[in-house]
Amino acid sequence: MADPMSAFDALAGRIADVERRFAGLRDDLADLSGTATDESGLVSATVDATGALTGLTVAPAALRAGTEGLAELVLDAYRQARTAATENVEEHTEGLDVALGAGVTDLFGKPGDFSALGRLEEAVSRLGRLDDRLPGSPA
């Protein structure tokens, strides 16, 4: 049977490695975006790494498409921008899954879902509290 303290030390080391690798990643991801233009070239959309629309440009000629046509152009540009943002996030995080032994989507969820970062921070906090309660832990 493995020594519980050794197992805990190994887990703590793994968490420290994860923290080191992801330090600043949230800020880096906040700067990533994707921009795309619909097929007609009349509507351009920009989204951030979470998929939120941050910019929209509509050429005056796009208004000739009518409300439904304009909606289709906007949605087309938005979908393409979202795909571009997802590709940027994947490119930026390439290799992290191999280094950590888990898929990036397992750690972060799908692009734009940063709830896993909060879960990681909570797990680190809980491990710190557990470490404080273990006998012989550093004061």
N, C-alpha and C. Protein backbone atom coordinates (compact mmCIF):
# COMPACT_ATOMS: atom_id res chain seq x y z
N MET A 1 0.84 -1.18 0.00
CA MET A 1 0.00 0.00 0.00
C MET A 1 0.88 1.24 0.00
N ALA A 2 0.57 2.21 -0.82
CA ALA A 2 1.38 3.43 -0.94
C ALA A 2 1.21 4.30 0.29
N ASP A 3 2.28 4.98 0.64
CA ASP A 3 2.26 5.91 1.76
C ASP A 3 1.32 7.07 1.43
N PRO A 4 0.31 7.36 2.28
CA PRO A 4 -0.65 8.44 1.97
C PRO A 4 0.03 9.80 1.79
N MET A 5 1.07 10.06 2.57
CA MET A 5 1.77 11.35 2.43
C MET A 5 2.49 11.45 1.09
N SER A 6 3.05 10.33 0.64
CA SER A 6 3.71 10.33 -0.67
C SER A 6 2.70 10.57 -1.78
N ALA A 7 1.53 9.93 -1.64
CA ALA A 7 0.48 10.13 -2.64
C ALA A 7 0.01 11.58 -2.63
N PHE A 8 -0.13 12.14 -1.43
CA PHE A 8 -0.55 13.54 -1.33
C PHE A 8 0.51 14.46 -1.93
N ASP A 9 1.78 14.19 -1.64
CA ASP A 9 2.87 15.00 -2.20
C ASP A 9 2.87 14.92 -3.72
N ALA A 10 2.63 13.73 -4.25
CA ALA A 10 2.58 13.57 -5.71
C ALA A 10 1.43 14.36 -6.29
N LEU A 11 0.26 14.30 -5.63
CA LEU A 11 -0.90 15.06 -6.09
C LEU A 11 -0.63 16.55 -6.00
N ALA A 12 -0.04 16.99 -4.90
CA ALA A 12 0.27 18.41 -4.74
C ALA A 12 1.26 18.87 -5.81
N GLY A 13 2.22 18.02 -6.14
CA GLY A 13 3.18 18.36 -7.20
C GLY A 13 2.50 18.46 -8.55
N ARG A 14 1.57 17.57 -8.80
CA ARG A 14 0.82 17.60 -10.07
C ARG A 14 -0.01 18.88 -10.16
N ILE A 15 -0.65 19.25 -9.06
CA ILE A 15 -1.45 20.47 -9.05
C ILE A 15 -0.56 21.70 -9.24
N ALA A 16 0.60 21.70 -8.61
CA ALA A 16 1.53 22.82 -8.78
C ALA A 16 1.96 22.92 -10.24
N ASP A 17 2.18 21.77 -10.88
CA ASP A 17 2.55 21.76 -12.29
C ASP A 17 1.43 22.34 -13.14
N VAL A 18 0.19 21.93 -12.85
CA VAL A 18 -0.96 22.45 -13.58
C VAL A 18 -1.08 23.95 -13.38
N GLU A 19 -0.93 24.41 -12.13
CA GLU A 19 -1.00 25.85 -11.87
C GLU A 19 0.06 26.60 -12.65
N ARG A 20 1.27 26.07 -12.66
CA ARG A 20 2.37 26.74 -13.37
C ARG A 20 2.08 26.83 -14.87
N ARG A 21 1.58 25.74 -15.43
CA ARG A 21 1.31 25.72 -16.86
C ARG A 21 0.16 26.63 -17.26
N PHE A 22 -0.79 26.82 -16.34
CA PHE A 22 -1.95 27.62 -16.67
C PHE A 22 -1.89 29.04 -16.13
N ALA A 23 -0.76 29.38 -15.48
CA ALA A 23 -0.62 30.73 -14.97
C ALA A 23 -0.72 31.72 -16.12
N GLY A 24 -1.61 32.62 -16.01
CA GLY A 24 -1.78 33.64 -17.03
C GLY A 24 -2.59 33.21 -18.23
N LEU A 25 -2.95 31.93 -18.31
CA LEU A 25 -3.68 31.46 -19.48
C LEU A 25 -5.03 32.16 -19.62
N ARG A 26 -5.69 32.42 -18.49
CA ARG A 26 -6.98 33.10 -18.54
C ARG A 26 -6.83 34.48 -19.20
N ASP A 27 -5.77 35.20 -18.84
CA ASP A 27 -5.55 36.52 -19.45
C ASP A 27 -5.23 36.39 -20.93
N ASP A 28 -4.41 35.38 -21.27
CA ASP A 28 -4.07 35.16 -22.68
C ASP A 28 -5.32 34.85 -23.49
N LEU A 29 -6.19 34.01 -22.94
CA LEU A 29 -7.40 33.65 -23.65
C LEU A 29 -8.34 34.84 -23.80
N ALA A 30 -8.32 35.73 -22.82
CA ALA A 30 -9.19 36.90 -22.89
C ALA A 30 -8.81 37.79 -24.07
N ASP A 31 -7.55 37.71 -24.49
CA ASP A 31 -7.09 38.54 -25.61
C ASP A 31 -7.35 37.90 -26.97
N LEU A 32 -7.72 36.63 -26.99
CA LEU A 32 -7.96 35.94 -28.25
C LEU A 32 -9.35 36.27 -28.80
N SER A 33 -9.43 36.32 -30.11
CA SER A 33 -10.72 36.59 -30.75
C SER A 33 -10.72 35.94 -32.14
N GLY A 34 -11.84 36.05 -32.78
CA GLY A 34 -11.96 35.57 -34.15
C GLY A 34 -12.81 36.55 -34.93
N THR A 35 -12.41 36.84 -36.14
CA THR A 35 -13.16 37.75 -37.01
C THR A 35 -13.39 37.05 -38.34
N ALA A 36 -14.58 37.25 -38.87
CA ALA A 36 -14.90 36.64 -40.16
C ALA A 36 -15.92 37.50 -40.89
N THR A 37 -15.96 37.33 -42.19
CA THR A 37 -16.89 38.04 -43.05
C THR A 37 -17.76 37.01 -43.76
N ASP A 38 -19.04 37.33 -43.89
CA ASP A 38 -19.94 36.40 -44.58
C ASP A 38 -19.50 36.24 -46.03
N GLU A 39 -20.10 35.29 -46.73
CA GLU A 39 -19.70 34.98 -48.11
C GLU A 39 -19.87 36.16 -49.06
N SER A 40 -20.86 37.01 -48.81
CA SER A 40 -21.09 38.16 -49.70
C SER A 40 -20.08 39.28 -49.45
N GLY A 41 -19.42 39.24 -48.31
CA GLY A 41 -18.47 40.30 -47.97
C GLY A 41 -19.13 41.54 -47.40
N LEU A 42 -20.41 41.46 -47.09
CA LEU A 42 -21.15 42.64 -46.62
C LEU A 42 -21.24 42.75 -45.11
N VAL A 43 -21.04 41.65 -44.40
CA VAL A 43 -21.15 41.67 -42.94
C VAL A 43 -19.91 41.02 -42.34
N SER A 44 -19.33 41.69 -41.36
CA SER A 44 -18.16 41.17 -40.67
C SER A 44 -18.47 41.14 -39.17
N ALA A 45 -18.07 40.04 -38.52
CA ALA A 45 -18.32 39.89 -37.09
C ALA A 45 -17.03 39.52 -36.38
N THR A 46 -16.91 39.95 -35.13
CA THR A 46 -15.79 39.60 -34.28
C THR A 46 -16.35 39.06 -32.98
N VAL A 47 -15.78 37.95 -32.51
CA VAL A 47 -16.17 37.37 -31.23
C VAL A 47 -14.93 37.16 -30.38
N ASP A 48 -15.12 37.16 -29.05
CA ASP A 48 -14.00 36.88 -28.16
C ASP A 48 -13.86 35.37 -27.96
N ALA A 49 -12.95 34.96 -27.09
CA ALA A 49 -12.68 33.53 -26.89
C ALA A 49 -13.88 32.80 -26.31
N THR A 50 -14.80 33.52 -25.68
CA THR A 50 -15.98 32.88 -25.13
C THR A 50 -17.10 32.77 -26.15
N GLY A 51 -16.92 33.38 -27.32
CA GLY A 51 -17.95 33.36 -28.35
C GLY A 51 -18.88 34.55 -28.30
N ALA A 52 -18.62 35.48 -27.39
CA ALA A 52 -19.46 36.67 -27.29
C ALA A 52 -19.14 37.62 -28.44
N LEU A 53 -20.18 38.15 -29.04
CA LEU A 53 -20.02 39.09 -30.14
C LEU A 53 -19.44 40.40 -29.61
N THR A 54 -18.29 40.81 -30.15
CA THR A 54 -17.64 42.04 -29.69
C THR A 54 -17.60 43.11 -30.77
N GLY A 55 -17.91 42.73 -32.00
CA GLY A 55 -17.91 43.70 -33.08
C GLY A 55 -18.74 43.23 -34.25
N LEU A 56 -19.40 44.16 -34.89
CA LEU A 56 -20.22 43.83 -36.05
C LEU A 56 -20.18 45.01 -37.01
N THR A 57 -19.85 44.72 -38.26
CA THR A 57 -19.82 45.74 -39.29
C THR A 57 -20.76 45.31 -40.40
N VAL A 58 -21.66 46.21 -40.76
CA VAL A 58 -22.64 45.93 -41.81
C VAL A 58 -22.49 46.98 -42.90
N ALA A 59 -22.18 46.53 -44.11
CA ALA A 59 -22.09 47.46 -45.24
C ALA A 59 -23.49 47.92 -45.62
N PRO A 60 -23.64 49.17 -46.03
CA PRO A 60 -24.97 49.67 -46.40
C PRO A 60 -25.68 48.79 -47.43
N ALA A 61 -24.94 48.19 -48.33
CA ALA A 61 -25.55 47.34 -49.36
C ALA A 61 -26.22 46.11 -48.75
N ALA A 62 -25.80 45.69 -47.55
CA ALA A 62 -26.40 44.52 -46.90
C ALA A 62 -27.86 44.77 -46.54
N LEU A 63 -28.22 46.03 -46.38
CA LEU A 63 -29.59 46.37 -46.00
C LEU A 63 -30.57 46.03 -47.12
N ARG A 64 -30.07 45.93 -48.35
CA ARG A 64 -30.92 45.58 -49.49
C ARG A 64 -31.41 44.14 -49.41
N ALA A 65 -30.79 43.33 -48.57
CA ALA A 65 -31.17 41.92 -48.44
C ALA A 65 -32.46 41.76 -47.65
N GLY A 66 -32.98 42.84 -47.05
CA GLY A 66 -34.18 42.74 -46.23
C GLY A 66 -33.82 42.23 -44.84
N THR A 67 -34.81 42.22 -43.98
CA THR A 67 -34.52 41.84 -42.59
C THR A 67 -34.10 40.39 -42.46
N GLU A 68 -34.79 39.49 -43.14
CA GLU A 68 -34.41 38.07 -43.05
C GLU A 68 -33.07 37.80 -43.71
N GLY A 69 -32.83 38.42 -44.84
CA GLY A 69 -31.55 38.26 -45.53
C GLY A 69 -30.40 38.82 -44.71
N LEU A 70 -30.62 39.98 -44.10
CA LEU A 70 -29.59 40.58 -43.26
C LEU A 70 -29.31 39.68 -42.05
N ALA A 71 -30.36 39.15 -41.46
CA ALA A 71 -30.18 38.24 -40.33
C ALA A 71 -29.32 37.04 -40.73
N GLU A 72 -29.56 36.48 -41.91
CA GLU A 72 -28.76 35.35 -42.38
C GLU A 72 -27.30 35.74 -42.57
N LEU A 73 -27.07 36.94 -43.13
CA LEU A 73 -25.69 37.40 -43.33
C LEU A 73 -24.98 37.57 -41.98
N VAL A 74 -25.67 38.15 -41.01
CA VAL A 74 -25.08 38.36 -39.68
C VAL A 74 -24.78 37.02 -39.03
N LEU A 75 -25.73 36.09 -39.09
CA LEU A 75 -25.51 34.78 -38.48
C LEU A 75 -24.37 34.03 -39.16
N ASP A 76 -24.26 34.15 -40.47
CA ASP A 76 -23.17 33.50 -41.19
C ASP A 76 -21.83 34.05 -40.73
N ALA A 77 -21.73 35.37 -40.67
CA ALA A 77 -20.47 36.00 -40.23
C ALA A 77 -20.16 35.62 -38.79
N TYR A 78 -21.19 35.60 -37.94
CA TYR A 78 -21.00 35.25 -36.53
C TYR A 78 -20.50 33.82 -36.39
N ARG A 79 -21.13 32.89 -37.09
CA ARG A 79 -20.72 31.47 -37.00
C ARG A 79 -19.27 31.29 -37.46
N GLN A 80 -18.91 31.96 -38.54
CA GLN A 80 -17.54 31.84 -39.03
C GLN A 80 -16.55 32.47 -38.05
N ALA A 81 -16.93 33.58 -37.44
CA ALA A 81 -16.05 34.23 -36.46
C ALA A 81 -15.88 33.34 -35.23
N ARG A 82 -16.96 32.70 -34.83
CA ARG A 82 -16.89 31.81 -33.68
C ARG A 82 -15.98 30.62 -33.97
N THR A 83 -16.05 30.09 -35.18
CA THR A 83 -15.16 29.01 -35.59
C THR A 83 -13.71 29.49 -35.57
N ALA A 84 -13.47 30.70 -36.06
CA ALA A 84 -12.11 31.25 -36.06
C ALA A 84 -11.60 31.43 -34.63
N ALA A 85 -12.46 31.89 -33.72
CA ALA A 85 -12.06 32.06 -32.32
C ALA A 85 -11.73 30.71 -31.69
N THR A 86 -12.54 29.71 -31.97
CA THR A 86 -12.30 28.36 -31.44
C THR A 86 -10.96 27.84 -31.94
N GLU A 87 -10.67 28.05 -33.21
CA GLU A 87 -9.39 27.61 -33.77
C GLU A 87 -8.23 28.35 -33.11
N ASN A 88 -8.41 29.66 -32.84
CA ASN A 88 -7.36 30.42 -32.16
C ASN A 88 -7.11 29.88 -30.76
N VAL A 89 -8.17 29.56 -30.04
CA VAL A 89 -8.03 29.01 -28.69
C VAL A 89 -7.32 27.66 -28.75
N GLU A 90 -7.74 26.81 -29.68
CA GLU A 90 -7.11 25.49 -29.81
C GLU A 90 -5.64 25.62 -30.19
N GLU A 91 -5.33 26.55 -31.09
CA GLU A 91 -3.94 26.76 -31.49
C GLU A 91 -3.11 27.26 -30.30
N HIS A 92 -3.70 28.15 -29.52
CA HIS A 92 -2.99 28.73 -28.38
C HIS A 92 -2.75 27.71 -27.28
N THR A 93 -3.63 26.73 -27.15
CA THR A 93 -3.51 25.74 -26.09
C THR A 93 -2.97 24.40 -26.60
N GLU A 94 -2.53 24.38 -27.86
CA GLU A 94 -2.01 23.15 -28.45
C GLU A 94 -0.84 22.61 -27.62
N GLY A 95 -0.88 21.32 -27.38
CA GLY A 95 0.20 20.68 -26.63
C GLY A 95 -0.05 20.61 -25.14
N LEU A 96 -0.95 21.43 -24.62
CA LEU A 96 -1.21 21.38 -23.19
C LEU A 96 -1.83 20.07 -22.78
N ASP A 97 -2.65 19.49 -23.65
CA ASP A 97 -3.28 18.23 -23.31
C ASP A 97 -2.25 17.11 -23.18
N VAL A 98 -1.23 17.13 -24.03
CA VAL A 98 -0.19 16.11 -23.95
C VAL A 98 0.65 16.32 -22.70
N ALA A 99 0.99 17.57 -22.43
CA ALA A 99 1.84 17.86 -21.28
C ALA A 99 1.16 17.53 -19.96
N LEU A 100 -0.14 17.67 -19.91
CA LEU A 100 -0.86 17.44 -18.67
C LEU A 100 -1.48 16.06 -18.58
N GLY A 101 -1.47 15.33 -19.67
CA GLY A 101 -2.04 14.00 -19.64
C GLY A 101 -3.56 14.00 -19.65
N ALA A 102 -4.16 15.08 -20.05
CA ALA A 102 -5.62 15.17 -20.15
C ALA A 102 -5.95 16.10 -21.29
N GLY A 103 -7.12 15.92 -21.87
CA GLY A 103 -7.55 16.79 -22.95
C GLY A 103 -7.85 18.18 -22.42
N VAL A 104 -7.56 19.19 -23.22
CA VAL A 104 -7.85 20.56 -22.81
C VAL A 104 -9.34 20.73 -22.56
N THR A 105 -10.16 20.07 -23.34
CA THR A 105 -11.60 20.19 -23.10
C THR A 105 -11.99 19.55 -21.79
N ASP A 106 -11.24 18.54 -21.33
CA ASP A 106 -11.52 17.97 -20.01
C ASP A 106 -11.21 18.97 -18.91
N LEU A 107 -10.21 19.80 -19.14
CA LEU A 107 -9.82 20.78 -18.13
C LEU A 107 -10.66 22.05 -18.22
N PHE A 108 -10.92 22.52 -19.43
CA PHE A 108 -11.60 23.80 -19.62
C PHE A 108 -13.05 23.67 -20.03
N GLY A 109 -13.48 22.53 -20.45
CA GLY A 109 -14.77 22.43 -21.11
C GLY A 109 -14.57 22.85 -22.55
N LYS A 110 -15.63 23.12 -23.23
CA LYS A 110 -15.53 23.55 -24.62
C LYS A 110 -15.03 25.00 -24.65
N PRO A 111 -14.45 25.43 -25.79
CA PRO A 111 -14.01 26.81 -25.87
C PRO A 111 -15.13 27.77 -25.47
N GLY A 112 -14.78 28.67 -24.60
CA GLY A 112 -15.76 29.62 -24.09
C GLY A 112 -16.32 29.21 -22.74
N ASP A 113 -16.04 28.00 -22.27
CA ASP A 113 -16.52 27.54 -20.97
C ASP A 113 -15.34 27.53 -20.01
N PHE A 114 -15.25 28.55 -19.18
CA PHE A 114 -14.12 28.67 -18.26
C PHE A 114 -14.48 28.24 -16.85
N SER A 115 -15.59 27.54 -16.69
CA SER A 115 -16.01 27.12 -15.36
C SER A 115 -15.02 26.14 -14.74
N ALA A 116 -14.29 25.38 -15.57
CA ALA A 116 -13.33 24.43 -15.03
C ALA A 116 -12.19 25.14 -14.32
N LEU A 117 -11.85 26.37 -14.73
CA LEU A 117 -10.81 27.11 -14.02
C LEU A 117 -11.23 27.37 -12.59
N GLY A 118 -12.49 27.69 -12.39
CA GLY A 118 -12.99 27.89 -11.03
C GLY A 118 -12.92 26.61 -10.23
N ARG A 119 -13.24 25.48 -10.88
CA ARG A 119 -13.16 24.19 -10.19
C ARG A 119 -11.72 23.87 -9.82
N LEU A 120 -10.78 24.20 -10.69
CA LEU A 120 -9.37 23.96 -10.40
C LEU A 120 -8.94 24.81 -9.21
N GLU A 121 -9.32 26.08 -9.21
CA GLU A 121 -8.96 26.96 -8.09
C GLU A 121 -9.55 26.45 -6.78
N GLU A 122 -10.77 25.96 -6.82
CA GLU A 122 -11.41 25.41 -5.62
C GLU A 122 -10.68 24.16 -5.15
N ALA A 123 -10.28 23.29 -6.08
CA ALA A 123 -9.56 22.07 -5.71
C ALA A 123 -8.23 22.41 -5.06
N VAL A 124 -7.52 23.39 -5.60
CA VAL A 124 -6.25 23.81 -5.03
C VAL A 124 -6.48 24.36 -3.63
N SER A 125 -7.51 25.16 -3.46
CA SER A 125 -7.83 25.72 -2.15
C SER A 125 -8.14 24.62 -1.15
N ARG A 126 -8.93 23.64 -1.56
CA ARG A 126 -9.28 22.52 -0.67
C ARG A 126 -8.04 21.71 -0.29
N LEU A 127 -7.17 21.48 -1.25
CA LEU A 127 -5.95 20.74 -0.95
C LEU A 127 -5.07 21.51 0.04
N GLY A 128 -5.04 22.83 -0.10
CA GLY A 128 -4.28 23.64 0.84
C GLY A 128 -4.84 23.52 2.25
N ARG A 129 -6.16 23.55 2.37
CA ARG A 129 -6.79 23.40 3.70
C ARG A 129 -6.53 22.00 4.25
N LEU A 130 -6.57 20.99 3.38
CA LEU A 130 -6.30 19.62 3.82
C LEU A 130 -4.85 19.50 4.28
N ASP A 131 -3.95 20.08 3.55
CA ASP A 131 -2.53 20.04 3.90
C ASP A 131 -2.32 20.67 5.28
N ASP A 132 -3.03 21.74 5.59
CA ASP A 132 -2.89 22.40 6.88
C ASP A 132 -3.33 21.50 8.03
N ARG A 133 -4.26 20.59 7.75
CA ARG A 133 -4.79 19.73 8.82
C ARG A 133 -4.01 18.44 8.99
N LEU A 134 -3.15 18.09 8.05
CA LEU A 134 -2.40 16.85 8.14
C LEU A 134 -1.29 16.97 9.18
N PRO A 135 -1.02 15.86 9.91
CA PRO A 135 0.05 15.89 10.89
C PRO A 135 1.40 16.14 10.21
N GLY A 136 2.20 16.96 10.84
CA GLY A 136 3.54 17.24 10.32
C GLY A 136 3.57 18.14 9.12
N SER A 137 2.43 18.81 8.82
CA SER A 137 2.44 19.71 7.66
C SER A 137 3.16 21.00 8.03
N PRO A 138 3.80 21.65 7.05
CA PRO A 138 4.52 22.89 7.33
C PRO A 138 3.57 23.95 7.85
N ALA A 139 4.03 24.70 8.82
CA ALA A 139 3.16 25.72 9.45
C ALA A 139 3.17 27.00 8.71
